[in-house]
Structures are given as C-alpha cells and as structure tokens.
Protein backbone atom coordinates (compact mmCIF):
# COMPACT_ATOMS: atom_id res chain seq x y z
CA MET A 1 19.59 -7.28 9.40
CA GLN A 2 21.53 -4.04 9.62
CA GLN A 3 20.37 -1.13 11.73
CA THR A 4 18.49 1.31 9.57
CA THR A 5 16.87 4.71 9.48
CA ILE A 6 13.13 5.15 9.11
CA GLN A 7 11.83 8.42 7.69
CA VAL A 8 9.26 9.35 5.07
CA SER A 9 8.25 12.95 4.45
CA SER A 10 6.71 12.78 0.97
CA GLU A 11 5.08 10.50 -1.58
CA ILE A 12 7.73 11.17 -4.24
CA GLY A 13 11.17 11.42 -2.63
CA THR A 14 13.64 8.82 -3.92
CA LEU A 15 12.67 5.47 -2.38
CA ARG A 16 15.49 3.86 -0.38
CA ARG A 17 13.83 1.18 1.73
CA LEU A 18 10.41 -0.46 1.83
CA LEU A 19 8.50 -3.33 3.38
CA ILE A 20 6.86 -5.91 1.10
CA HIS A 21 5.34 -9.36 1.23
CA SER A 22 5.75 -11.58 -1.80
CA PRO A 23 2.66 -13.62 -2.72
CA ASP A 24 2.54 -16.75 -0.56
CA SER A 25 0.65 -20.01 -1.06
CA GLY A 26 -2.43 -18.59 0.68
CA LEU A 27 -3.18 -16.53 -2.44
CA GLY A 28 -3.48 -19.74 -4.40
CA GLN A 29 -6.01 -21.18 -1.95
CA VAL A 30 -8.69 -18.49 -2.16
CA VAL A 31 -11.93 -20.12 -3.31
CA PRO A 32 -14.75 -18.30 -5.16
CA SER A 33 -17.30 -18.75 -2.38
CA LYS A 34 -15.01 -17.01 0.12
CA ALA A 35 -13.24 -14.54 -2.16
CA GLN A 36 -15.31 -11.52 -1.15
CA ASP A 37 -15.08 -12.40 2.54
CA TRP A 38 -11.31 -12.29 2.06
CA LEU A 39 -11.69 -8.95 0.14
CA PHE A 40 -10.92 -10.39 -3.30
CA GLU A 41 -13.18 -10.05 -6.33
CA ASP A 42 -11.77 -13.10 -8.08
CA ILE A 43 -9.36 -15.98 -7.67
CA VAL A 44 -5.85 -15.67 -9.10
CA HIS A 45 -3.44 -18.09 -10.75
CA LEU A 46 -0.58 -18.04 -8.27
CA ASN A 47 2.31 -19.18 -10.47
CA THR A 48 1.47 -16.68 -13.20
CA LEU A 49 1.08 -13.91 -10.65
CA ARG A 50 4.46 -14.73 -9.10
CA LYS A 51 6.70 -15.54 -12.06
CA GLU A 52 5.27 -13.35 -14.82
CA GLU A 53 4.15 -10.33 -12.80
CA TYR A 54 5.27 -9.84 -9.18
CA ASP A 55 8.83 -11.06 -9.82
CA TYR A 56 9.26 -8.21 -12.32
CA TYR A 57 8.25 -5.81 -9.56
CA LEU A 58 10.94 -7.24 -7.28
CA LYS A 59 13.61 -7.14 -9.98
CA LEU A 60 12.86 -3.50 -10.70
CA LEU A 61 12.99 -2.63 -7.00
CA PHE A 62 16.42 -4.22 -6.78
CA TYR A 63 17.82 -2.22 -9.70
CA PHE A 64 16.61 0.99 -8.06
CA LEU A 65 17.16 0.25 -4.36
CA ASP A 66 19.75 -2.53 -4.03
CA PRO A 67 21.50 -3.00 -7.40
CA GLU A 68 24.53 -4.88 -6.02
CA ARG A 69 22.34 -7.92 -5.33
CA ILE A 70 21.04 -8.21 -8.89
CA GLN A 71 23.37 -6.43 -11.33
CA GLY A 72 25.17 -9.06 -13.40
CA ARG A 73 23.09 -11.87 -11.85
CA LEU A 74 19.89 -11.54 -13.88
CA LEU A 75 20.55 -14.53 -16.13
CA GLU A 76 21.41 -16.67 -13.11
CA ILE A 77 18.26 -15.59 -11.27
CA ASP A 78 16.02 -16.11 -14.31
CA ALA A 79 17.57 -19.52 -15.03
CA ASP A 80 16.37 -20.62 -11.61
CA SER A 81 12.79 -19.56 -12.35
CA SER A 82 11.28 -22.95 -11.53
CA ASP A 83 12.66 -22.88 -7.98
CA ARG A 84 12.58 -19.07 -7.47
CA ALA A 85 15.20 -19.40 -4.71
CA PHE A 86 16.11 -15.69 -4.91
CA TYR A 87 12.55 -14.70 -3.97
CA LYS A 88 11.65 -17.31 -1.35
CA PRO A 89 12.23 -16.20 2.29
CA ASP A 90 12.63 -19.80 3.50
CA HIS A 91 15.22 -20.74 0.85
CA PRO A 92 18.97 -20.66 1.64
CA LEU A 93 19.59 -18.57 -1.51
CA PHE A 94 17.02 -15.89 -0.59
CA HIS A 95 18.27 -12.34 -1.26
CA HIS A 96 18.01 -11.06 2.38
CA SER A 97 18.11 -7.43 1.28
CA ASP A 98 18.00 -4.76 3.97
CA LYS A 99 16.49 -2.34 1.43
CA ILE A 100 13.64 -4.51 0.12
CA ILE A 101 12.51 -6.09 3.35
CA GLU A 102 10.27 -9.15 3.41
CA ILE A 103 7.71 -9.43 6.23
CA GLN A 104 8.16 -13.19 6.47
CA VAL A 105 11.84 -12.72 7.35
CA LEU A 106 11.00 -10.23 10.10
CA LEU A 107 8.35 -12.57 11.47
CA GLU A 108 10.79 -15.49 11.50
CA ASP A 109 13.34 -13.33 13.34
CA ILE A 110 11.00 -12.46 16.21
CA LEU A 111 9.70 -16.03 16.50
CA LYS A 112 13.21 -17.19 17.39
CA ASP A 113 12.60 -15.62 20.80
CA GLU A 114 10.77 -18.24 22.89
CA SER A 115 8.72 -15.74 24.88
CA THR A 116 7.53 -13.89 21.78
CA LYS A 117 6.79 -17.20 20.07
CA ASN A 118 4.59 -18.39 22.96
CA LYS A 119 2.64 -15.14 23.12
CA MET A 120 2.18 -14.90 19.38
CA VAL A 121 1.01 -18.48 18.89
CA ALA A 122 -1.54 -17.97 21.67
CA ALA A 123 -2.74 -14.71 20.13
CA VAL A 124 -3.06 -16.11 16.60
CA CYS A 125 -4.82 -19.23 17.86
CA ALA A 126 -7.26 -17.07 19.83
CA ILE A 127 -8.13 -15.03 16.71
CA GLU A 128 -8.48 -18.16 14.59
CA ARG A 129 -10.26 -20.20 17.31
CA CYS A 130 -7.82 -23.08 17.12
CA THR A 131 -7.93 -26.07 19.43
CA TYR A 132 -5.49 -26.27 22.30
CA HIS A 133 -3.89 -29.34 20.73
CA LEU A 134 -3.23 -27.39 17.53
CA GLN A 135 -1.68 -24.62 19.59
CA LEU A 136 0.72 -27.10 21.19
CA MET A 137 1.54 -28.51 17.75
CA LEU A 138 2.39 -25.04 16.43
CA LEU A 139 4.70 -24.39 19.38
CA LYS A 140 6.81 -27.37 18.29
CA LYS A 141 7.49 -25.83 14.88
CA SER A 142 10.72 -23.99 14.09
CA ALA A 143 10.62 -20.21 13.69
CA GLN A 144 10.96 -20.58 9.92
CA GLU A 145 8.15 -23.13 9.65
CA LEU A 146 5.91 -21.19 12.00
CA ALA A 147 6.34 -17.90 10.15
CA LYS A 148 5.28 -19.55 6.91
CA ILE A 149 2.27 -21.20 8.57
CA MET A 150 1.08 -17.97 10.20
CA LEU A 151 1.16 -16.14 6.88
CA SER A 152 -0.25 -18.81 4.57
CA GLY A 153 -2.63 -20.53 6.99
CA SER A 154 -1.26 -23.92 5.92
CA PHE A 155 1.13 -26.63 7.05
CA ASP A 156 1.66 -27.29 3.35
CA ASP A 157 -0.23 -26.88 0.07
CA GLU A 158 -2.77 -29.53 1.04
CA HIS A 159 -3.31 -28.99 4.77
CA MET A 160 -4.91 -25.66 5.71
CA ILE A 161 -5.43 -25.03 9.42
CA PHE A 162 -6.94 -21.56 9.20
CA ALA A 163 -7.89 -19.02 6.56
CA PRO A 164 -5.18 -17.45 4.40
CA ILE A 165 -4.48 -13.73 4.61
CA PRO A 166 -4.08 -12.95 0.89
CA ASN A 167 -4.30 -9.18 1.42
CA LEU A 168 -0.90 -9.17 3.13
CA ILE A 169 0.71 -8.43 -0.26
CA PHE A 170 -0.81 -4.95 0.22
CA THR A 171 1.66 -3.92 2.90
CA ARG A 172 0.70 -0.22 2.63
CA ASP A 173 -2.40 -0.99 4.69
CA LEU A 174 -0.44 -2.33 7.67
CA GLY A 175 0.77 1.10 8.68
CA ILE A 176 2.35 4.26 7.38
CA VAL A 177 5.66 5.98 8.15
CA ILE A 178 5.14 9.71 8.77
CA ASN A 179 8.44 11.50 9.23
CA LYS A 180 10.03 9.35 11.99
CA HIS A 181 6.76 8.01 13.41
CA ILE A 182 4.79 4.92 12.38
CA LEU A 183 1.01 5.07 12.43
CA LEU A 184 -0.38 1.54 12.83
CA ASN A 185 -3.54 0.55 11.04
CA LYS A 186 -6.79 -0.63 12.60
CA PRO A 187 -8.45 -2.77 9.95
CA ALA A 188 -12.15 -2.53 9.24
CA LYS A 189 -12.58 -6.10 8.05
CA LYS A 190 -12.20 -9.30 10.06
CA ALA A 191 -10.20 -10.84 7.19
CA ARG A 192 -7.28 -8.54 8.05
CA GLN A 193 -7.10 -9.02 11.82
CA ARG A 194 -4.26 -11.53 11.69
CA GLU A 195 -2.25 -9.20 9.45
CA ASN A 196 -2.67 -6.42 11.99
CA LEU A 197 -1.62 -8.68 14.86
CA ILE A 198 1.48 -9.89 12.99
CA MET A 199 2.52 -6.33 12.12
CA CYS A 200 2.10 -5.15 15.73
CA TYR A 201 4.31 -7.99 17.01
CA ILE A 202 6.96 -7.18 14.39
CA LEU A 203 6.98 -3.46 15.12
CA PHE A 204 7.16 -3.90 18.89
CA ASN A 205 9.66 -6.79 18.91
CA HIS A 206 11.98 -6.65 15.91
CA ARG A 207 15.36 -4.96 16.27
CA LEU A 208 14.79 -3.11 12.99
CA PHE A 209 12.33 -0.87 14.83
CA GLU A 210 13.91 -0.79 18.30
CA ASN A 211 14.91 2.88 18.06
CA TYR A 212 11.39 3.88 16.98
CA ARG A 213 9.17 2.08 19.48
CA HIS A 214 8.39 5.31 21.29
CA ASN A 215 7.27 6.62 17.87
CA LEU A 216 4.68 3.89 17.23
CA LEU A 217 1.17 5.36 17.22
CA GLU A 218 -1.78 3.02 17.79
CA ILE A 219 -5.37 4.05 17.03
CA PRO A 220 -7.50 3.66 20.20
CA ASN A 221 -11.14 2.64 20.21
CA PRO A 222 -13.73 5.27 21.20
CA ILE A 223 -14.23 5.39 24.98
CA GLN A 224 -16.44 2.56 26.24
CA HIS A 225 -17.25 1.43 22.71
CA PHE A 226 -18.03 -2.04 24.04
CA LEU A 227 -21.03 -0.69 25.99
CA ARG A 228 -22.72 0.89 23.00
CA PRO A 229 -25.54 -1.27 21.61
CA GLY A 230 -25.91 -1.44 17.85
CA GLU A 231 -22.76 0.55 17.23
CA GLU A 232 -22.69 1.86 13.67
CA GLU A 233 -19.69 1.08 11.45
CA ASP A 234 -18.65 4.72 11.15
CA GLN A 235 -18.51 5.01 14.96
CA LYS A 236 -15.80 2.39 15.18
CA ALA A 237 -12.23 3.61 14.91
CA THR A 238 -10.89 1.93 11.76
CA LEU A 239 -8.01 3.06 9.56
CA GLU A 240 -5.95 1.51 6.75
CA GLY A 241 -2.71 2.81 5.24
CA GLY A 242 -4.19 3.27 1.77
CA ASP A 243 -6.14 6.18 3.25
CA VAL A 244 -3.04 7.99 4.54
CA MET A 245 -0.70 10.04 2.36
CA VAL A 246 2.36 11.95 3.54
CA VAL A 247 2.34 14.77 0.98
CA SER A 248 4.91 17.02 2.69
CA PRO A 249 6.92 17.00 5.94
CA GLN A 250 4.16 18.91 7.74
CA HIS A 251 1.04 17.74 5.91
CA VAL A 252 -0.82 14.43 5.88
CA ILE A 253 -4.01 13.53 4.00
CA ILE A 254 -6.36 11.05 5.67
CA GLY A 255 -9.29 9.58 3.77
CA CYS A 256 -12.66 8.57 5.15
CA SER A 257 -13.73 5.65 2.99
CA GLU A 258 -15.15 2.14 2.96
CA ARG A 259 -12.22 1.07 5.17
CA THR A 260 -11.39 4.16 7.26
CA SER A 261 -14.14 5.53 9.49
CA PRO A 262 -14.60 9.17 10.55
CA ALA A 263 -13.79 8.08 14.10
CA GLY A 264 -10.57 6.42 12.91
CA ALA A 265 -9.54 9.48 10.90
CA ALA A 266 -10.25 11.75 13.89
CA GLU A 267 -8.25 9.55 16.28
CA ALA A 268 -5.33 9.42 13.83
CA MET A 269 -5.37 13.21 13.44
CA ASN A 270 -5.43 13.67 17.22
CA LEU A 271 -2.42 11.38 17.62
CA LEU A 272 -0.43 13.19 14.91
CA PHE A 273 -1.12 16.57 16.50
CA LYS A 274 -0.57 15.37 20.07
CA HIS A 275 2.87 13.97 19.21
CA GLU A 276 3.70 16.98 17.00
CA VAL A 277 4.32 14.74 13.98
CA VAL A 278 2.81 17.21 11.47
CA GLU A 279 1.25 20.66 11.50
CA LYS A 280 -1.60 20.05 9.07
CA VAL A 281 -4.08 17.25 8.33
CA SER A 282 -6.57 17.24 5.46
CA ILE A 283 -9.56 14.91 5.83
CA VAL A 284 -10.93 13.75 2.48
CA LYS A 285 -14.30 12.02 2.67
CA ILE A 286 -15.05 9.83 -0.35
CA PRO A 287 -18.04 7.57 -1.05
CA ALA A 288 -17.90 4.34 0.97
CA LYS A 289 -17.97 2.17 -2.14
CA ARG A 290 -16.14 -1.04 -2.96
CA ASP A 291 -14.80 0.33 -6.24
CA PHE A 292 -13.14 3.26 -4.42
CA MET A 293 -11.97 1.48 -1.24
CA HIS A 294 -9.14 3.93 -0.29
CA ILE A 295 -8.12 7.41 -1.39
CA ASP A 296 -5.02 5.98 -3.08
CA THR A 297 -7.32 4.21 -5.54
CA LEU A 298 -8.59 7.66 -6.60
CA PHE A 299 -5.39 9.71 -6.75
CA THR A 300 -1.63 9.43 -6.25
CA GLN A 301 1.29 11.80 -6.82
CA ILE A 302 3.68 11.60 -9.77
CA ASN A 303 5.95 14.58 -9.11
CA ARG A 304 5.61 17.78 -7.15
CA ASN A 305 3.21 19.35 -9.65
CA THR A 306 1.59 16.28 -11.27
CA TRP A 307 -1.11 13.95 -9.96
CA VAL A 308 -3.09 11.08 -11.48
CA ILE A 309 -6.75 11.19 -10.50
CA LEU A 310 -10.22 9.82 -11.23
CA GLY A 311 -12.04 12.78 -12.75
CA SER A 312 -15.53 11.77 -11.66
CA VAL A 313 -14.73 12.30 -7.96
CA SER A 314 -12.96 15.61 -8.45
CA ARG A 315 -16.13 17.61 -9.26
CA LYS A 316 -14.28 19.02 -12.23
CA LYS A 317 -16.67 19.67 -15.10
CA THR A 318 -16.42 17.62 -18.25
CA ASP A 319 -17.78 18.22 -21.72
CA ARG A 320 -18.68 14.57 -22.21
CA LYS A 321 -22.46 14.47 -21.85
CA GLU A 322 -22.68 10.73 -21.23
CA ALA A 323 -20.25 11.00 -18.32
CA ILE A 324 -22.19 13.95 -16.87
CA ASP A 325 -25.45 12.02 -17.06
CA TYR A 326 -23.83 9.03 -15.37
CA ILE A 327 -21.99 10.70 -12.52
CA THR A 328 -24.62 13.33 -11.65
CA SER A 329 -27.58 10.97 -11.37
CA GLU A 330 -28.87 10.77 -7.82
CA LYS A 331 -27.98 7.11 -7.57
CA GLN A 332 -24.42 7.44 -8.86
CA LYS A 333 -23.34 10.92 -7.77
CA PRO A 334 -20.14 10.63 -5.73
CA GLU A 335 -19.90 12.95 -2.80
CA THR A 336 -16.62 14.28 -1.48
CA GLU A 337 -15.99 16.61 1.40
CA ILE A 338 -12.58 18.05 2.23
CA LEU A 339 -11.68 19.73 5.52
CA GLN A 340 -8.20 20.86 6.51
CA PHE A 341 -7.14 21.17 10.16
CA THR A 342 -4.01 22.64 11.72
CA ARG A 343 -2.34 21.66 14.98
CA GLU A 344 -2.96 25.07 16.51
CA GLN A 345 -6.54 25.24 15.25
CA ASN A 346 -8.29 28.57 15.64
CA GLY A 347 -11.76 28.83 14.18
CA LYS A 348 -13.33 26.60 11.57
CA PRO A 349 -11.33 24.23 9.39
CA LYS A 350 -10.47 25.26 5.86
CA ARG A 351 -12.70 23.78 3.17
CA PHE A 352 -11.78 22.78 -0.38
CA ASP A 353 -14.43 22.45 -3.07
CA SER A 354 -12.66 19.64 -4.93
CA ILE A 355 -9.81 17.16 -4.64
CA GLU A 356 -8.04 19.01 -7.45
CA SER A 357 -8.15 22.23 -5.41
CA LEU A 358 -6.54 20.45 -2.47
CA LEU A 359 -3.83 18.86 -4.59
CA ASN A 360 -3.10 22.15 -6.34
CA ASP A 361 -2.72 23.81 -2.92
CA ILE A 362 -0.27 21.09 -1.86
CA SER A 363 1.84 21.49 -5.01
CA ARG A 364 1.95 25.28 -4.87
CA ASN A 365 2.02 26.05 -1.15
CA ASP A 366 3.38 22.96 0.65
CA LEU A 367 5.90 21.95 -2.01
CA LYS A 368 6.56 25.51 -3.27
CA CYS A 369 6.29 24.40 -6.90
CA THR A 370 6.34 27.32 -9.34
CA LYS A 371 5.09 25.24 -12.29
CA SER A 372 1.38 24.92 -13.00
CA THR A 373 -0.26 21.92 -11.34
CA GLN A 374 -1.35 19.33 -13.87
CA PHE A 375 -3.68 16.36 -13.61
CA ILE A 376 -3.56 13.12 -15.54
CA TYR A 377 -7.02 11.58 -15.58
CA SER A 378 -7.91 7.92 -15.32
CA GLY A 379 -9.00 6.62 -18.72
CA ASN A 380 -7.99 10.01 -20.17
CA GLN A 381 -11.38 11.10 -18.77
CA VAL A 382 -13.20 9.17 -21.48
CA PHE A 383 -16.38 7.45 -20.29
CA PRO A 384 -16.65 4.54 -19.44
CA TYR A 385 -12.88 3.87 -19.51
CA ASP A 386 -12.24 6.27 -16.64
CA ALA A 387 -14.21 4.03 -14.26
CA ARG A 388 -13.00 0.77 -15.85
CA GLU A 389 -9.33 1.70 -15.56
CA GLN A 390 -9.70 3.11 -12.06
CA TRP A 391 -11.08 -0.32 -11.09
CA THR A 392 -7.81 -1.83 -12.37
CA ASP A 393 -5.74 0.72 -10.42
CA SER A 394 -4.88 3.36 -13.00
CA CYS A 395 -4.63 5.86 -10.12
CA ASN A 396 -2.72 3.62 -7.70
CA LEU A 397 0.88 4.31 -8.71
CA LEU A 398 4.13 4.00 -6.75
CA ALA A 399 6.85 6.62 -7.21
CA LEU A 400 10.37 5.13 -7.13
CA LYS A 401 11.60 8.69 -7.33
CA GLU A 402 10.10 11.97 -8.42
CA GLY A 403 8.50 11.55 -11.85
CA VAL A 404 9.26 7.81 -12.16
CA VAL A 405 6.24 5.66 -11.34
CA LEU A 406 4.98 2.08 -11.71
CA GLY A 407 1.56 1.22 -13.14
CA TYR A 408 -0.34 -1.58 -14.85
CA ASP A 409 0.05 -2.14 -18.59
CA ARG A 410 -3.67 -2.82 -19.10
CA ASN A 411 -4.82 0.79 -18.50
CA GLU A 412 -4.33 1.92 -22.10
CA LYS A 413 -6.21 5.21 -22.12
CA THR A 414 -4.54 6.35 -18.89
CA ILE A 415 -1.20 5.47 -20.50
CA ALA A 416 -2.17 7.66 -23.46
CA ALA A 417 -2.91 10.50 -21.03
CA PHE A 418 0.62 10.15 -19.60
CA GLU A 419 2.05 10.33 -23.11
CA GLU A 420 0.09 13.50 -23.81
CA LYS A 421 1.72 15.08 -20.74
CA GLY A 422 5.19 14.23 -22.08
CA PHE A 423 5.99 11.13 -20.03
CA ARG A 424 8.10 8.35 -21.48
CA ILE A 425 6.33 4.98 -21.49
CA VAL A 426 8.44 1.84 -21.09
CA LYS A 427 7.68 -1.83 -20.41
CA VAL A 428 9.38 -3.23 -17.32
CA LYS A 429 10.97 -6.13 -19.21
CA ASP A 430 12.57 -3.77 -21.73
CA LEU A 431 13.76 -1.41 -19.01
CA ILE A 432 15.35 -4.20 -16.95
CA GLU A 433 17.19 -5.54 -19.99
CA SER A 434 18.43 -2.02 -20.80
CA ILE A 435 19.66 -1.43 -17.23
CA GLU A 436 21.32 -4.86 -17.02
CA SER A 437 23.16 -4.30 -20.31
CA GLY A 438 24.40 -0.89 -19.18
CA GLN A 439 22.52 1.04 -21.86
CA THR A 440 20.36 2.76 -19.22
CA SER A 441 21.37 4.17 -15.85
CA VAL A 442 18.80 4.29 -13.05
CA GLU A 443 20.09 7.71 -12.05
CA ASN A 444 19.25 9.12 -15.48
CA ILE A 445 15.66 7.84 -15.69
CA GLU A 446 13.14 10.65 -15.34
CA ASN A 447 9.53 11.48 -16.28
CA THR A 448 8.74 7.82 -16.95
CA LEU A 449 5.74 5.54 -16.50
CA ILE A 450 6.99 1.94 -16.16
CA LEU A 451 4.39 -0.57 -17.31
CA MET A 452 4.04 -3.76 -15.29
CA PRO A 453 2.25 -6.95 -16.43
CA SER A 454 -1.09 -7.16 -14.70
CA ALA A 455 -3.42 -9.96 -15.86
CA GLU A 456 -3.45 -11.66 -12.42
CA LEU A 457 -2.23 -8.94 -10.06
CA SER A 458 -5.09 -6.63 -11.02
CA ARG A 459 -7.58 -9.30 -9.91
CA ALA A 460 -6.32 -8.79 -6.37
CA ARG A 461 -7.68 -5.21 -6.43
CA GLY A 462 -4.56 -3.25 -5.64
CA GLY A 463 -1.73 -1.50 -7.45
CA PHE A 464 1.91 -0.90 -6.59
CA HIS A 465 1.12 1.93 -4.19
CA CYS A 466 -0.84 -0.67 -2.19
CA MET A 467 1.96 -3.24 -2.50
CA SER A 468 4.58 -1.10 -0.77
CA LEU A 469 5.15 0.26 2.71
CA PRO A 470 7.95 2.83 2.30
CA LEU A 471 10.26 2.97 5.31
CA LEU A 472 12.77 5.47 3.94
CA ARG A 473 12.60 8.13 1.26
CA ASP A 474 15.00 10.94 0.53
CA PRO A 475 13.58 14.34 1.48
CA ILE A 476 12.54 16.45 -1.49
CA VAL A 477 14.15 19.86 -1.68
C-alpha cells in the first residue's frame, strides 16, 4: 500500500480515494428474527446483491478513481463473474487498489503484526464473549483467515462463531475525514461495536494512517457516566458518520438523530473547535425515527448550489393538501431545530428556521455561489412517494465529482425531479459500456445522475453516501 494523503474539505470535490467494504458472507447469514437487532429491515440475497448491484458500484468507482486497473479489462473481469476474483480481498487476483481501499485488506495487514493480532483477538473475543479455547483457536489462524473471520463472524459458510456485522458495508458510519483530521464514530447500537473496534485498530496501527495519528479524534463519554443510574439514551455520547457532513473547509454539519445523541454532537463539536479543525458547526436536530436514521438520509449535496432533500422535514410549505394533513398531524409532525456555533462564540448561536435556509446559506456564503440555490425533492414532493422514496434512499447520494452523483434506479419520481432540473439520467451499465468503448470520457461527464440497480441493496437501508468513506477529495475552488 503506497503512502497517501488524507484530506476532505467538501461533499462534492472530485473524489480521489475512499474506504469501502464489499459485502461479505455475513450479509447472507442475517436471519429474519435477528434482522432488526442487526439494524436490517429485511434479509438480502447475497449473490444478487454482489454480482448484479454492488459490483457495478465498484466498476464505476474504478473508471472514475483508478481507471488503469479496469480500462480494457472489463470483458476479462466480467467473464470471471462466477469466481469474482477481482473483487475478493483474499483472492490472489484481487485488485489491491490504493484508491478504492478495502477494509478487509487493511485489517489483514495489521494482523500480520503478532502483538496487534494478540490484542485484537482478545478484544474481539471479549466483546463477543467467546470461550478461551476459541480465542486460542483464532490465534492460530493466518492474518488473511483471521481478517475474514472477524468481519463475517464465520469460519466458513456453515460454521458461525459470532454474529455477523452486516452494516460494515456502510463505511461512512465508521468515521469521517474533516480536512486532515479523522473523527471516529461512537456507535449507538450494540450491533456495531465490533465494527468500531476494528476501525480503531486499523486507524491506530495501519501505515496508511501513520502520519495522521495525532489527528485522530475520539468521542469521550460524559464524565463519570458509569455512575449515573438509569442514564437516558440522549445522555450517552454516540455519533455515526452519516450524521456528519463536511460542507466547506471551515464548516461541518452534525445531526442529532436516532443514532447520534445531543451529547455526542456536543462532544464532537468541542473536539473540532479545540483542535481548530473548523470555524463553524451547525447542529441539525431531526426526529429520532427509524425511517430518518441519519441526516444524510434526509439531504445530500449535488453541486455547490443544488441539494436533494426530503420536503416534509424542511418546513417548506406545499400546496398538496394530503401531504399537509399527513405531516402536520400531532402524531406525524417532524420537528427540526438548527443551531449554528462558531469557534470564537460570542452570544447566542445563530438559528435557522428550516434545513433549506441552512443549505442556502452554505451555498451562498460558505461556497460563494452566485447562482440561485435549488432543491430537488424526494419523490418530486408528491405524497406518498416522497416518504416512500426517501425510505429507499432517494436523498442518500454520493458525489463522484461536482454535479455527478450515484443513486438508486427505483426512485422514479425523484429521478423525474432531477430531469426537471436539467440533469442527464444514465444507467450505470450503459455508462460503463460507453466509457469502456471510448465513446464517453469521465472528465467530460457533468450534471448527471447515474442510476444503480437496487432491488437488494435498498433492503439494507443505505445508499451510496452511506457506502463510502471518502479519504481524499480535491478542494473546490
């Protein structure tokens, strides 16, 4: 693995390097009775998810980030679809890209060190309450075997030793790069504790991050939290990466949600100000509901003056009576609160009356955009499709570069809203074929929504913003 640079100062600068985890066998072992405990709403068909959906995501990433490894090889890679050697970290023909970095490879690297291996096996076995004999058995495994076991929870497809961690495909939640610092997550749910442990060991032990270890920021627990009887959930310091957005070099948004507590947001803000990482933090409180989960399920950025957003949380008025009746009922009314703090705070924080007002302020004042801010609404703001398509991640889009984003093909009314705003709509399969044949150049693609197949991936309750942890983006001018 080559030495690299880590720096992210926006959501839309051209993506150069990211951290991912391809779906492992653990995803195929989720059972209905445990799905919600493991934060899934349904079980997925693993082979379909891999070969017909996620592999397209990887191919597209290669054409944009590391074209030398795929250009001219597409037929060869596709011909090997039954074995998928190009995509498997434990296969000799694995791609080993230093631009599209696989967590399993990093884990295998650090497990080659005997001291790290001993500590990590002990830590994982403590979390999973393994027997001492099982711990000794794991220590006998090679680094490659052990990495696979730690991630999948299995010796093989038929012998599970502890629960899978299927949410690891959502690498965004492991941490977030903010300028040249990395803010580590502190998961709210027990199902993600092993992910958090693995990520901490990688960040503090892998050579990829050795020049940034003094820039790793860990969320502390509130003082003497262990002495407080009946501690409420919102008093615990929890934070996940889907609730953190780097919208400009000096401005970060942090959401308070089902997964990120007010205490976690406050501790994160204090760390960012203490280490002078940014000058401004906006706290966006959203309803702690399963269908919202993180702020990046409600809005993401397309280019410096365009955002995709769920209209019903923005407080923006609509002329659709049925939607008004639904979202303003006492039971259903979503409540948002937005406060903006500065590092040299004097007086009360600035308040915004809607998410749209905040995003407009970012586009105009932080990003100095002279064009009018525009919003593309989930479901084209047609009830009930706005809520239905938000549930299948119509607002959770990943920008490969400014104006070029990835989204699910199933969100038809949101796609129509993109078309109305002048965006080109293209299916990933067609785009890949066009790039491979030389008809299309990646450099010339602009203002485009790339549609990804989504029958199984959408069951996992996360979009491509969730499935990426950007390590390096070009600064936007």
